[in-house]
Amino acid sequence: MDKIAVLIPCYNESKTIAKVITDFRQVLPEAVIYVYDNNSSDGTDKIARENGAVVRYEYQQGKGNVIRRMFREIEAECYIMTDGDDTYPAENAREMVDLVLEKQMDMVVGDRLSSTYFTENKRRFHNFGNDFVRKSINTVFHADIRDIMTGYRAFSYEFIKTFPVLSKGFEIETEMTIHAVDKNMALANVVVDYRDRPEGSVSKLNTVSDGLKVIRTIARLFRNYRPNVFFGLIGVLLMLLGVGMFIPVLIDFMNSGLVLRFPTLICSGFLFLIGIISVFSGQILHVLNQKNRHDFELSLIEANYRKKQLLS
């Protein structure tokens, strides 16, 4: 079992990967540096191996797929995850590791948005998207995570071995953030300086398509983790709509003693009924979600026991 594992998912990062490995080795000389190559065609894996990294492969395309493979295969007391594009400074790694090993943090977030991100990043819509996602998640989940989509994080063994990776692409950061908040895991933020990619290094993140995936992920996780609120809001809206459609029918009936709009009456009744079903469905799913949280706490205990066995 490694003391510290540095995890670097890579796809065509030949221009920067050598510097990233060198920088992290200087700050964390005791760490094992793992580079997981995701079908690179520019020799990223060869350069990483020449610079002393342990190189492994994930052939399913997508950052989420790479991280799933990493989390399954590597055993360590503390994990540092960073990108291979040299946008995150290695200087903060020691502080992040210490928070995990000494302060028992489960996830430490490398916060770009509180420092240089909005001035260094030249992609305007990326700035808007990061700010929108941060505010949305913090509002919905009552959290204080300052950078939702950062790829620079530190993790405990317990987090890594109990986090179910479902996302395939760049929405993975959003998924792990919401998971940590929902499961009441110990979180910390460390402000890091962000630098834009060097010339010749190209981002693989598509602003529109990957942005839509992130928004869908937020909606999906909101439904899964807060079903009482999600289905409750839908149910209340449907019931209000049903009442709104029923009022004109009621007014006509009070004035004439006749029901003049049977289709409207039937439609309003169905809407109100569906709204009630939605509210109660949310409550049922909430009870199941509480059961899942109970089971998750047991899995944390099992992960901690396994960690102690590996260390002994």
Foldseek 3Di string as FASTA:
>chain_A
DAAEEEEEEDAAQQVFQLVVLVQLCVQPVRYAYEYEYAPHDPCNQVSCVVSPHHYHYDPQDAPLSSLLVVLVPDDHQKYKFAYRQPFFGSNCVVVQSCCCPPVVAFKEAAAAPVACCVPQDPPNLVNVLQVVLQVVCCVLLVDDDRTQQHRTMMGGLLLSVLQDRDDGHSLRSNRSVSVCSLLVGGYHYDYTHTHDGPPPDDDPDDSPPVSVVNVVVVVVVSCQRQVLVVLLVQLVVLLVVLVVLCVVQVVVCVVPVDRPCVVSNVSSVVSNVVSVVSNVVSVVSNVVSVVVSVVSVVSSVVSVVVSVVVVD
